[in-house]
N, C-alpha and C. Protein backbone atom coordinates (compact mmCIF):
# COMPACT_ATOMS: atom_id res chain seq x y z
N UNK A 1 10.79 24.59 4.53
CA UNK A 1 11.86 23.72 5.20
C UNK A 1 12.68 24.59 6.01
N UNK A 2 13.24 25.52 5.62
CA UNK A 2 14.40 26.30 6.26
C UNK A 2 13.68 26.91 7.41
N UNK A 3 12.53 27.41 7.35
CA UNK A 3 11.86 28.02 8.64
C UNK A 3 11.89 26.67 9.67
N UNK A 4 11.26 25.67 9.29
CA UNK A 4 11.15 24.66 10.14
C UNK A 4 12.45 24.34 10.69
N UNK A 5 13.54 24.17 10.08
CA UNK A 5 14.99 23.68 10.51
C UNK A 5 15.44 25.09 11.50
N UNK A 6 15.09 26.21 11.44
CA UNK A 6 15.43 27.40 12.32
C UNK A 6 14.57 27.21 13.48
N UNK A 7 13.51 26.58 13.38
CA UNK A 7 12.49 26.66 14.65
C UNK A 7 13.10 25.59 15.48
N UNK A 8 13.55 24.59 14.99
CA UNK A 8 13.97 23.32 15.37
C UNK A 8 15.16 23.73 16.19
N UNK A 9 16.03 24.38 15.52
CA UNK A 9 17.21 24.85 16.16
C UNK A 9 17.26 25.57 17.44
N UNK A 10 16.19 26.87 17.13
CA UNK A 10 15.69 27.32 18.35
C UNK A 10 15.05 26.75 19.55
N UNK A 11 14.33 25.61 19.19
CA UNK A 11 13.76 25.12 20.27
C UNK A 11 14.85 23.99 20.96
N UNK A 12 15.70 23.62 20.21
CA UNK A 12 16.78 22.68 20.79
C UNK A 12 17.72 23.39 21.73
N UNK A 13 17.87 24.87 21.10
CA UNK A 13 18.77 25.50 21.96
C UNK A 13 18.28 25.85 23.35
N UNK A 14 16.88 26.15 23.32
CA UNK A 14 16.15 26.49 24.58
C UNK A 14 16.08 25.15 25.51
N UNK A 15 15.74 24.07 24.89
CA UNK A 15 15.99 22.72 25.54
C UNK A 15 17.25 22.35 26.33
N UNK A 16 18.13 22.76 25.47
CA UNK A 16 19.60 22.54 25.88
C UNK A 16 20.06 23.30 27.02
N UNK A 17 19.49 24.23 27.27
CA UNK A 17 19.75 25.31 28.44
C UNK A 17 19.12 24.72 29.82
N UNK A 18 17.87 24.22 29.54
CA UNK A 18 16.96 23.97 30.53
C UNK A 18 17.76 22.59 31.39
N UNK A 19 17.72 22.75 32.73
CA UNK A 19 18.46 21.79 33.64
C UNK A 19 17.58 20.63 33.52
N UNK A 20 16.44 20.41 33.74
CA UNK A 20 15.83 19.09 33.76
C UNK A 20 14.17 19.33 33.29
N UNK A 21 13.87 18.77 31.95
CA UNK A 21 12.55 18.58 31.41
C UNK A 21 11.76 17.35 31.92
N UNK A 22 10.49 17.78 31.98
CA UNK A 22 9.59 16.45 32.29
C UNK A 22 9.72 15.64 30.98
N UNK A 23 9.54 14.23 31.28
CA UNK A 23 9.88 13.05 30.25
C UNK A 23 8.94 13.48 29.32
N UNK A 24 7.78 13.78 29.34
CA UNK A 24 6.87 13.96 28.30
C UNK A 24 7.30 14.97 27.35
N UNK A 25 8.01 16.08 27.86
CA UNK A 25 8.47 17.28 26.96
C UNK A 25 9.67 16.73 25.90
N UNK A 26 10.53 15.76 26.75
CA UNK A 26 11.77 15.16 26.09
C UNK A 26 11.16 14.44 25.11
N UNK A 27 10.36 13.47 25.28
CA UNK A 27 9.45 12.58 24.18
C UNK A 27 8.90 13.27 23.13
N UNK A 28 8.21 14.37 23.62
CA UNK A 28 7.57 15.30 22.46
C UNK A 28 8.45 15.83 21.56
N UNK A 29 9.56 16.55 22.00
CA UNK A 29 10.39 17.17 21.21
C UNK A 29 11.28 16.16 20.41
N UNK A 30 11.71 14.81 20.76
CA UNK A 30 12.37 13.94 19.97
C UNK A 30 11.18 13.43 18.83
N UNK A 31 9.99 13.24 19.26
CA UNK A 31 9.25 12.92 18.13
C UNK A 31 9.03 13.88 17.11
N UNK A 32 8.92 15.09 17.56
CA UNK A 32 8.43 16.10 16.53
C UNK A 32 9.87 16.18 15.60
N UNK A 33 11.14 16.12 16.11
CA UNK A 33 12.45 15.92 15.41
C UNK A 33 12.55 15.13 14.41
N UNK A 34 11.89 13.88 14.72
CA UNK A 34 11.71 12.60 13.99
C UNK A 34 10.87 12.83 12.79
N UNK A 35 9.70 13.40 13.01
CA UNK A 35 8.71 13.58 12.03
C UNK A 35 9.02 14.63 11.20
N UNK A 36 9.81 15.58 11.85
CA UNK A 36 10.14 16.62 10.57
C UNK A 36 11.37 15.98 9.66
N UNK A 37 12.18 15.13 10.34
CA UNK A 37 13.26 14.48 9.18
C UNK A 37 12.24 13.87 8.44
N UNK A 38 11.29 12.84 8.57
CA UNK A 38 10.82 12.48 7.95
C UNK A 38 9.86 13.03 6.72
N UNK A 39 9.35 14.22 6.90
CA UNK A 39 8.84 14.94 5.95
C UNK A 39 9.67 15.54 5.01
N UNK A 40 10.99 16.03 5.61
CA UNK A 40 11.87 16.46 4.62
C UNK A 40 12.52 15.13 3.66
N UNK A 41 12.59 14.17 4.20
CA UNK A 41 12.91 13.18 3.21
C UNK A 41 11.65 12.75 2.32
N UNK A 42 10.51 12.92 2.80
CA UNK A 42 9.41 12.36 1.89
C UNK A 42 9.49 13.55 0.70
N UNK A 43 9.51 14.89 0.99
CA UNK A 43 9.61 16.01 0.00
C UNK A 43 10.87 15.78 -0.81
N UNK A 44 11.85 15.71 -0.13
CA UNK A 44 13.17 15.64 -1.11
C UNK A 44 13.05 14.65 -2.22
N UNK A 45 12.71 13.32 -2.00
CA UNK A 45 12.63 12.15 -2.68
C UNK A 45 11.46 12.40 -3.75
N UNK A 46 10.46 13.22 -3.41
CA UNK A 46 9.35 13.14 -4.28
C UNK A 46 9.90 14.24 -5.51
N UNK A 47 10.76 15.08 -4.94
CA UNK A 47 11.39 16.61 -5.89
C UNK A 47 12.50 15.53 -6.71
N UNK A 48 13.10 14.90 -6.09
CA UNK A 48 14.19 13.93 -7.02
C UNK A 48 13.79 13.22 -8.12
N UNK A 49 12.49 12.50 -7.76
CA UNK A 49 11.82 11.90 -8.82
C UNK A 49 11.61 12.56 -10.05
N UNK A 50 11.25 13.80 -9.72
CA UNK A 50 10.65 14.78 -11.02
C UNK A 50 11.72 15.35 -11.70
N UNK A 51 12.93 15.32 -11.29
CA UNK A 51 13.83 15.97 -11.96
C UNK A 51 14.43 15.14 -13.31
N UNK A 52 14.80 16.18 -14.25
CA UNK A 52 15.09 15.57 -15.48
C UNK A 52 16.39 15.23 -15.76
N UNK A 53 17.19 14.52 -16.49
CA UNK A 53 18.33 13.78 -16.74
C UNK A 53 19.44 14.78 -16.69
N UNK A 54 19.34 15.96 -17.23
CA UNK A 54 20.27 17.10 -17.20
C UNK A 54 20.43 17.52 -15.87
N UNK A 55 19.31 17.74 -15.01
CA UNK A 55 19.27 18.19 -13.73
C UNK A 55 20.04 17.16 -12.65
N UNK A 56 19.78 16.04 -13.00
CA UNK A 56 20.52 14.92 -12.18
C UNK A 56 21.88 14.68 -12.51
N UNK A 57 22.32 15.12 -13.78
CA UNK A 57 23.78 15.16 -14.00
C UNK A 57 24.33 16.30 -13.32
N UNK A 58 23.77 17.49 -13.23
CA UNK A 58 24.07 18.76 -12.59
C UNK A 58 24.49 18.12 -11.17
N UNK A 59 23.68 17.66 -10.57
CA UNK A 59 23.98 17.32 -9.13
C UNK A 59 24.86 15.93 -8.78
N UNK A 60 25.20 15.52 -10.10
CA UNK A 60 26.15 14.28 -10.01
C UNK A 60 25.40 12.86 -9.88
N UNK A 61 24.19 12.84 -10.37
CA UNK A 61 23.33 11.54 -10.13
C UNK A 61 23.03 10.70 -11.49
N UNK A 62 23.00 9.50 -11.48
CA UNK A 62 22.41 8.88 -12.92
C UNK A 62 20.88 8.80 -12.25
N UNK A 63 20.08 8.33 -13.58
CA UNK A 63 18.76 8.17 -13.40
C UNK A 63 18.44 7.10 -12.57
N UNK A 64 19.12 6.01 -12.48
CA UNK A 64 19.03 4.90 -11.81
C UNK A 64 19.34 5.17 -10.25
N UNK A 65 20.35 5.69 -9.86
CA UNK A 65 20.61 6.21 -8.57
C UNK A 65 19.42 6.90 -8.14
N UNK A 66 18.86 7.98 -8.75
CA UNK A 66 17.78 8.77 -8.42
C UNK A 66 16.49 8.11 -8.37
N UNK A 67 16.21 7.22 -9.11
CA UNK A 67 15.16 6.36 -8.95
C UNK A 67 14.97 5.28 -7.68
N UNK A 68 16.04 4.87 -7.42
CA UNK A 68 16.27 3.97 -6.27
C UNK A 68 16.13 4.91 -5.10
N UNK A 69 16.72 6.05 -5.04
CA UNK A 69 16.47 6.75 -3.76
C UNK A 69 15.18 7.41 -3.72
N UNK A 70 14.59 7.68 -4.95
CA UNK A 70 13.15 8.31 -4.80
C UNK A 70 12.38 6.98 -4.40
N UNK A 71 12.33 5.87 -4.63
CA UNK A 71 11.62 5.05 -4.12
C UNK A 71 11.92 4.44 -2.85
N UNK A 72 12.59 4.87 -1.97
CA UNK A 72 12.65 4.49 -0.55
C UNK A 72 11.71 5.27 0.15
N UNK A 73 11.23 4.28 1.29
CA UNK A 73 10.38 4.99 2.01
C UNK A 73 11.09 5.95 3.10
N UNK A 74 10.04 6.78 3.46
CA UNK A 74 10.50 8.13 4.09
C UNK A 74 11.43 7.67 5.54
N UNK A 75 11.12 6.49 6.31
CA UNK A 75 11.77 6.19 7.38
C UNK A 75 13.14 5.57 6.96
N UNK A 76 13.58 5.63 5.73
CA UNK A 76 14.73 5.08 5.71
C UNK A 76 15.81 6.02 5.13
N UNK A 77 17.12 6.13 5.80
CA UNK A 77 18.14 7.12 5.45
C UNK A 77 18.67 6.55 4.26
């Protein structure tokens, strides 16, 4: 996941320095960023669902709160 974030940051830096981009490139970049965010949410929520009570306590969550978060669909923040 860190590698993906690094690539997105690098791509964003390159795109930010370009004066004018074709519309399709802008749309493609924004779509890729959105999908990457959705994948990260899904992966994080799946991992959250597997944590034990003592691990949840370490991060300051109750099992009820963790379950509510884990049940959210990937497109909801």
